[in-house]
Amino acid sequence: MICLTAIGILMPQIILAAAPKAKSAQQSIFTDIALHDGGVLVGRLAGNDSAIVANKEIIVRRETELVAKIATDKNGQFIVNGLRGGIYQIESEYGVGQFRAWAPQTAPPTAHQVAFLVPDNKNVVRGQWGFPAYNRLRDTAGGIGPWTWVAIGAAVAGITVGVVALTESNDSSP
């Protein structure tokens, strides 16, 4: 049992990983957004029928860090101040979007001025970003997600079993 655990820990994860799929040069999972002066991101939320959605919570993250938790106004618009260029995830109950924000005057000509968050109805979950429900749980648990707690519990259990096994084997020696 201990040997299997050690092999599982030491085995490179790349052996178990699926092969990456090649993306064409034209495809991107991010939408380019130009930040306004002062690092201001302007966005708009639309519902399933493309109608503007007012007074809904918007959560903005950079990697795993919660950047802002705001609500849309009566026009479905939201504004986040003080951002820097980088990759952001914007989520609401209507969907999640991945955006590459560009600092003012650095965005490519194809970058949008407004981040539109619309439902895609494809039910795609990209594993590197996680589930919105998981992110909300992690934010309320002091930054530690449920799988981290499971891993900590498994490590403590493994160490305890190992110590007990070593103690019993030493006690039974002549």
C-alpha atoms as a PDB file:
ATOM      1  CA  MET A   1       0.000   0.000   0.000  1.00  0.00           C
ATOM      2  CA  ILE A   2       2.786   2.408   0.926  1.00  0.00           C
ATOM      3  CA  CYS A   3       4.669   1.486  -2.262  1.00  0.00           C
ATOM      4  CA  LEU A   4       1.622   2.272  -4.410  1.00  0.00           C
ATOM      5  CA  THR A   5       1.249   5.626  -2.680  1.00  0.00           C
ATOM      6  CA  ALA A   6       4.908   6.454  -3.259  1.00  0.00           C
ATOM      7  CA  ILE A   7       4.667   5.470  -6.934  1.00  0.00           C
ATOM      8  CA  GLY A   8       1.565   7.625  -7.369  1.00  0.00           C
ATOM      9  CA  ILE A   9       3.284  10.617  -5.808  1.00  0.00           C
ATOM     10  CA  LEU A  10       6.547  10.207  -7.697  1.00  0.00           C
ATOM     11  CA  MET A  11       5.045   9.340 -11.101  1.00  0.00           C
ATOM     12  CA  PRO A  12       5.246  12.316 -13.450  1.00  0.00           C
ATOM     13  CA  GLN A  13       1.785  13.677 -14.084  1.00  0.00           C
ATOM     14  CA  ILE A  14       2.570  14.046 -17.772  1.00  0.00           C
ATOM     15  CA  ILE A  15       2.269  10.251 -18.120  1.00  0.00           C
ATOM     16  CA  LEU A  16      -1.372  10.436 -17.037  1.00  0.00           C
ATOM     17  CA  ALA A  17      -2.248  13.639 -18.911  1.00  0.00           C
ATOM     18  CA  ALA A  18      -4.149  13.684 -22.165  1.00  0.00           C
ATOM     19  CA  ALA A  19      -2.310  14.851 -25.247  1.00  0.00           C
ATOM     20  CA  PRO A  20      -2.886  18.549 -25.963  1.00  0.00           C
ATOM     21  CA  LYS A  21      -5.030  19.371 -28.953  1.00  0.00           C
ATOM     22  CA  ALA A  22      -3.470  21.650 -31.511  1.00  0.00           C
ATOM     23  CA  LYS A  23      -5.189  25.004 -31.883  1.00  0.00           C
ATOM     24  CA  SER A  24      -5.162  26.931 -35.093  1.00  0.00           C
ATOM     25  CA  ALA A  25      -3.352  30.266 -35.092  1.00  0.00           C
ATOM     26  CA  GLN A  26      -6.705  32.058 -35.500  1.00  0.00           C
ATOM     27  CA  GLN A  27      -8.417  30.416 -32.501  1.00  0.00           C
ATOM     28  CA  SER A  28      -8.193  31.876 -29.008  1.00  0.00           C
ATOM     29  CA  ILE A  29     -10.062  31.149 -25.806  1.00  0.00           C
ATOM     30  CA  PHE A  30      -9.623  34.784 -24.764  1.00  0.00           C
ATOM     31  CA  THR A  31     -11.374  37.920 -25.946  1.00  0.00           C
ATOM     32  CA  ASP A  32      -9.037  40.911 -26.224  1.00  0.00           C
ATOM     33  CA  ILE A  33     -10.257  43.936 -24.264  1.00  0.00           C
ATOM     34  CA  ALA A  34      -8.683  47.406 -24.202  1.00  0.00           C
ATOM     35  CA  LEU A  35      -8.571  48.901 -20.722  1.00  0.00           C
ATOM     36  CA  HIS A  36      -9.443  52.586 -20.518  1.00  0.00           C
ATOM     37  CA  ASP A  37      -7.195  55.177 -18.838  1.00  0.00           C
ATOM     38  CA  GLY A  38      -6.615  54.341 -15.184  1.00  0.00           C
ATOM     39  CA  GLY A  39      -7.038  50.598 -15.827  1.00  0.00           C
ATOM     40  CA  VAL A  40     -10.819  50.830 -16.173  1.00  0.00           C
ATOM     41  CA  LEU A  41     -12.624  47.793 -17.590  1.00  0.00           C
ATOM     42  CA  VAL A  42     -16.113  48.412 -18.925  1.00  0.00           C
ATOM     43  CA  GLY A  43     -18.405  45.435 -19.395  1.00  0.00           C
ATOM     44  CA  ARG A  44     -21.980  44.543 -20.146  1.00  0.00           C
ATOM     45  CA  LEU A  45     -24.039  41.479 -19.165  1.00  0.00           C
ATOM     46  CA  ALA A  46     -26.666  39.958 -21.434  1.00  0.00           C
ATOM     47  CA  GLY A  47     -29.057  37.083 -20.713  1.00  0.00           C
ATOM     48  CA  ASN A  48     -30.051  34.036 -22.748  1.00  0.00           C
ATOM     49  CA  ASP A  49     -32.215  36.086 -25.110  1.00  0.00           C
ATOM     50  CA  SER A  50     -29.448  38.738 -25.508  1.00  0.00           C
ATOM     51  CA  ALA A  51     -31.473  41.162 -23.381  1.00  0.00           C
ATOM     52  CA  ILE A  52     -29.571  43.406 -20.988  1.00  0.00           C
ATOM     53  CA  VAL A  53     -29.515  42.058 -17.402  1.00  0.00           C
ATOM     54  CA  ALA A  54     -29.623  44.568 -14.531  1.00  0.00           C
ATOM     55  CA  ASN A  55     -28.649  44.211 -10.871  1.00  0.00           C
ATOM     56  CA  LYS A  56     -26.755  40.914 -11.164  1.00  0.00           C
ATOM     57  CA  GLU A  57     -23.534  40.042  -9.360  1.00  0.00           C
ATOM     58  CA  ILE A  58     -20.332  40.023 -11.424  1.00  0.00           C
ATOM     59  CA  ILE A  59     -17.126  38.437 -10.132  1.00  0.00           C
ATOM     60  CA  VAL A  60     -13.763  39.334 -11.675  1.00  0.00           C
ATOM     61  CA  ARG A  61     -10.695  37.150 -11.072  1.00  0.00           C
ATOM     62  CA  ARG A  62      -7.079  37.255 -12.140  1.00  0.00           C
ATOM     63  CA  GLU A  63      -5.829  33.665 -12.018  1.00  0.00           C
ATOM     64  CA  THR A  64      -7.149  32.533  -8.614  1.00  0.00           C
ATOM     65  CA  GLU A  65      -7.244  35.998  -7.009  1.00  0.00           C
ATOM     66  CA  LEU A  66     -10.606  37.655  -6.471  1.00  0.00           C
ATOM     67  CA  VAL A  67     -10.228  41.140  -7.996  1.00  0.00           C
ATOM     68  CA  ALA A  68     -13.740  42.558  -7.758  1.00  0.00           C
ATOM     69  CA  LYS A  69     -17.281  41.627  -6.811  1.00  0.00           C
ATOM     70  CA  ILE A  70     -19.711  44.159  -8.277  1.00  0.00           C
ATOM     71  CA  ALA A  71     -23.260  44.409  -9.636  1.00  0.00           C
ATOM     72  CA  THR A  72     -24.510  45.494 -13.030  1.00  0.00           C
ATOM     73  CA  ASP A  73     -26.408  48.786 -13.267  1.00  0.00           C
ATOM     74  CA  LYS A  74     -29.873  49.264 -14.791  1.00  0.00           C
ATOM     75  CA  ASN A  75     -28.331  49.050 -18.289  1.00  0.00           C
ATOM     76  CA  GLY A  76     -26.521  45.777 -17.553  1.00  0.00           C
ATOM     77  CA  GLN A  77     -23.191  47.609 -17.458  1.00  0.00           C
ATOM     78  CA  PHE A  78     -20.399  47.101 -14.937  1.00  0.00           C
ATOM     79  CA  ILE A  79     -17.146  48.977 -14.376  1.00  0.00           C
ATOM     80  CA  VAL A  80     -14.001  47.743 -12.628  1.00  0.00           C
ATOM     81  CA  ASN A  81     -11.273  50.270 -11.790  1.00  0.00           C
ATOM     82  CA  GLY A  82      -7.538  49.897 -11.256  1.00  0.00           C
ATOM     83  CA  LEU A  83      -6.825  46.826 -13.395  1.00  0.00           C
ATOM     84  CA  ARG A  84      -3.539  46.085 -15.140  1.00  0.00           C
ATOM     85  CA  GLY A  85      -3.032  44.201 -18.343  1.00  0.00           C
ATOM     86  CA  GLY A  86      -3.398  40.438 -18.062  1.00  0.00           C
ATOM     87  CA  ILE A  87      -5.799  37.518 -18.212  1.00  0.00           C
ATOM     88  CA  TYR A  88      -9.091  37.891 -16.337  1.00  0.00           C
ATOM     89  CA  GLN A  89     -12.087  35.653 -15.780  1.00  0.00           C
ATOM     90  CA  ILE A  90     -15.427  37.422 -15.513  1.00  0.00           C
ATOM     91  CA  GLU A  91     -18.330  35.360 -14.213  1.00  0.00           C
ATOM     92  CA  SER A  92     -21.998  35.726 -13.425  1.00  0.00           C
ATOM     93  CA  GLU A  93     -24.922  33.360 -13.049  1.00  0.00           C
ATOM     94  CA  TYR A  94     -25.373  33.662 -16.828  1.00  0.00           C
ATOM     95  CA  GLY A  95     -21.914  32.472 -17.782  1.00  0.00           C
ATOM     96  CA  VAL A  96     -18.159  32.836 -17.578  1.00  0.00           C
ATOM     97  CA  GLY A  97     -15.843  34.636 -19.979  1.00  0.00           C
ATOM     98  CA  GLN A  98     -12.056  34.676 -20.347  1.00  0.00           C
ATOM     99  CA  PHE A  99     -10.616  38.065 -21.303  1.00  0.00           C
ATOM    100  CA  ARG A 100      -7.115  39.298 -22.127  1.00  0.00           C
ATOM    101  CA  ALA A 101      -7.015  42.886 -20.890  1.00  0.00           C
ATOM    102  CA  TRP A 102      -4.530  45.273 -22.494  1.00  0.00           C
ATOM    103  CA  ALA A 103      -3.130  48.316 -20.713  1.00  0.00           C
ATOM    104  CA  PRO A 104      -4.291  51.659 -22.173  1.00  0.00           C
ATOM    105  CA  GLN A 105      -2.773  52.465 -25.588  1.00  0.00           C
ATOM    106  CA  THR A 106      -1.236  48.955 -25.947  1.00  0.00           C
ATOM    107  CA  ALA A 107      -4.213  46.965 -27.242  1.00  0.00           C
ATOM    108  CA  PRO A 108      -4.193  45.540 -30.770  1.00  0.00           C
ATOM    109  CA  PRO A 109      -6.621  47.120 -33.259  1.00  0.00           C
ATOM    110  CA  THR A 110      -8.944  44.112 -32.959  1.00  0.00           C
ATOM    111  CA  ALA A 111      -9.420  44.540 -29.178  1.00  0.00           C
ATOM    112  CA  HIS A 112     -12.908  45.414 -27.960  1.00  0.00           C
ATOM    113  CA  GLN A 113     -13.662  48.480 -25.826  1.00  0.00           C
ATOM    114  CA  VAL A 114     -16.385  46.688 -23.829  1.00  0.00           C
ATOM    115  CA  ALA A 115     -16.300  43.178 -22.349  1.00  0.00           C
ATOM    116  CA  PHE A 116     -19.577  41.510 -23.317  1.00  0.00           C
ATOM    117  CA  LEU A 117     -20.526  38.615 -21.074  1.00  0.00           C
ATOM    118  CA  VAL A 118     -23.140  36.500 -22.823  1.00  0.00           C
ATOM    119  CA  PRO A 119     -24.180  32.887 -22.226  1.00  0.00           C
ATOM    120  CA  ASP A 120     -22.711  30.455 -24.726  1.00  0.00           C
ATOM    121  CA  ASN A 121     -25.052  27.571 -23.824  1.00  0.00           C
ATOM    122  CA  LYS A 122     -22.313  25.057 -24.626  1.00  0.00           C
ATOM    123  CA  ASN A 123     -21.737  23.930 -21.027  1.00  0.00           C
ATOM    124  CA  VAL A 124     -17.972  23.942 -21.550  1.00  0.00           C
ATOM    125  CA  VAL A 125     -15.834  23.930 -18.433  1.00  0.00           C
ATOM    126  CA  ARG A 126     -12.147  24.627 -18.884  1.00  0.00           C
ATOM    127  CA  GLY A 127     -10.304  22.720 -16.175  1.00  0.00           C
ATOM    128  CA  GLN A 128      -7.558  25.265 -15.691  1.00  0.00           C
ATOM    129  CA  TRP A 129     -10.054  27.853 -14.437  1.00  0.00           C
ATOM    130  CA  GLY A 130     -12.273  25.634 -12.283  1.00  0.00           C
ATOM    131  CA  PHE A 131     -15.967  25.836 -11.538  1.00  0.00           C
ATOM    132  CA  PRO A 132     -17.517  29.134 -10.386  1.00  0.00           C
ATOM    133  CA  ALA A 133     -19.158  27.329  -7.447  1.00  0.00           C
ATOM    134  CA  TYR A 134     -15.760  25.931  -6.420  1.00  0.00           C
ATOM    135  CA  ASN A 135     -14.227  29.432  -6.626  1.00  0.00           C
ATOM    136  CA  ARG A 136     -16.966  30.871  -4.410  1.00  0.00           C
ATOM    137  CA  LEU A 137     -16.436  28.050  -1.878  1.00  0.00           C
ATOM    138  CA  ARG A 138     -12.681  28.652  -1.911  1.00  0.00           C
ATOM    139  CA  ASP A 139     -13.194  32.391  -1.329  1.00  0.00           C
ATOM    140  CA  THR A 140     -15.275  31.702   1.788  1.00  0.00           C
ATOM    141  CA  ALA A 141     -12.847  29.069   3.180  1.00  0.00           C
ATOM    142  CA  GLY A 142      -9.850  31.366   3.581  1.00  0.00           C
ATOM    143  CA  GLY A 143      -8.453  30.709   0.097  1.00  0.00           C
ATOM    144  CA  ILE A 144      -8.196  26.934   0.512  1.00  0.00           C
ATOM    145  CA  GLY A 145     -10.389  24.863  -1.792  1.00  0.00           C
ATOM    146  CA  PRO A 146     -12.142  21.604  -0.882  1.00  0.00           C
ATOM    147  CA  TRP A 147      -9.702  19.427  -2.840  1.00  0.00           C
ATOM    148  CA  THR A 148      -6.814  20.966  -0.939  1.00  0.00           C
ATOM    149  CA  TRP A 149      -8.513  19.928   2.324  1.00  0.00           C
ATOM    150  CA  VAL A 150      -9.007  16.410   0.934  1.00  0.00           C
ATOM    151  CA  ALA A 151      -5.306  16.240   0.006  1.00  0.00           C
ATOM    152  CA  ILE A 152      -4.264  17.489   3.450  1.00  0.00           C
ATOM    153  CA  GLY A 153      -6.520  14.888   5.107  1.00  0.00           C
ATOM    154  CA  ALA A 154      -5.129  12.103   2.904  1.00  0.00           C
ATOM    155  CA  ALA A 155      -1.541  13.155   3.714  1.00  0.00           C
ATOM    156  CA  VAL A 156      -2.243  13.190   7.463  1.00  0.00           C
ATOM    157  CA  ALA A 157      -3.946   9.783   7.224  1.00  0.00           C
ATOM    158  CA  GLY A 158      -1.029   8.364   5.220  1.00  0.00           C
ATOM    159  CA  ILE A 159       1.556   9.625   7.698  1.00  0.00           C
ATOM    160  CA  THR A 160      -0.477   8.272  10.610  1.00  0.00           C
ATOM    161  CA  VAL A 161      -0.805   4.822   9.003  1.00  0.00           C
ATOM    162  CA  GLY A 162       2.921   4.808   8.214  1.00  0.00           C
ATOM    163  CA  VAL A 163       3.901   5.701  11.779  1.00  0.00           C
ATOM    164  CA  VAL A 164       1.558   3.058  13.228  1.00  0.00           C
ATOM    165  CA  ALA A 165       2.915   0.422  10.830  1.00  0.00           C
ATOM    166  CA  LEU A 166       6.527   1.248  11.698  1.00  0.00           C
ATOM    167  CA  THR A 167       5.753   1.254  15.420  1.00  0.00           C
ATOM    168  CA  GLU A 168       4.021  -2.150  15.240  1.00  0.00           C
ATOM    169  CA  SER A 169       6.836  -3.660  13.161  1.00  0.00           C
ATOM    170  CA  ASN A 170       9.417  -2.449  15.698  1.00  0.00           C
ATOM    171  CA  ASP A 171       7.381  -3.796  18.611  1.00  0.00           C
ATOM    172  CA  SER A 172       7.160  -7.292  17.108  1.00  0.00           C
ATOM    173  CA  SER A 173      10.920  -7.653  16.395  1.00  0.00           C
ATOM    174  CA  PRO A 174      12.798 -10.093  18.655  1.00  0.00           C
END
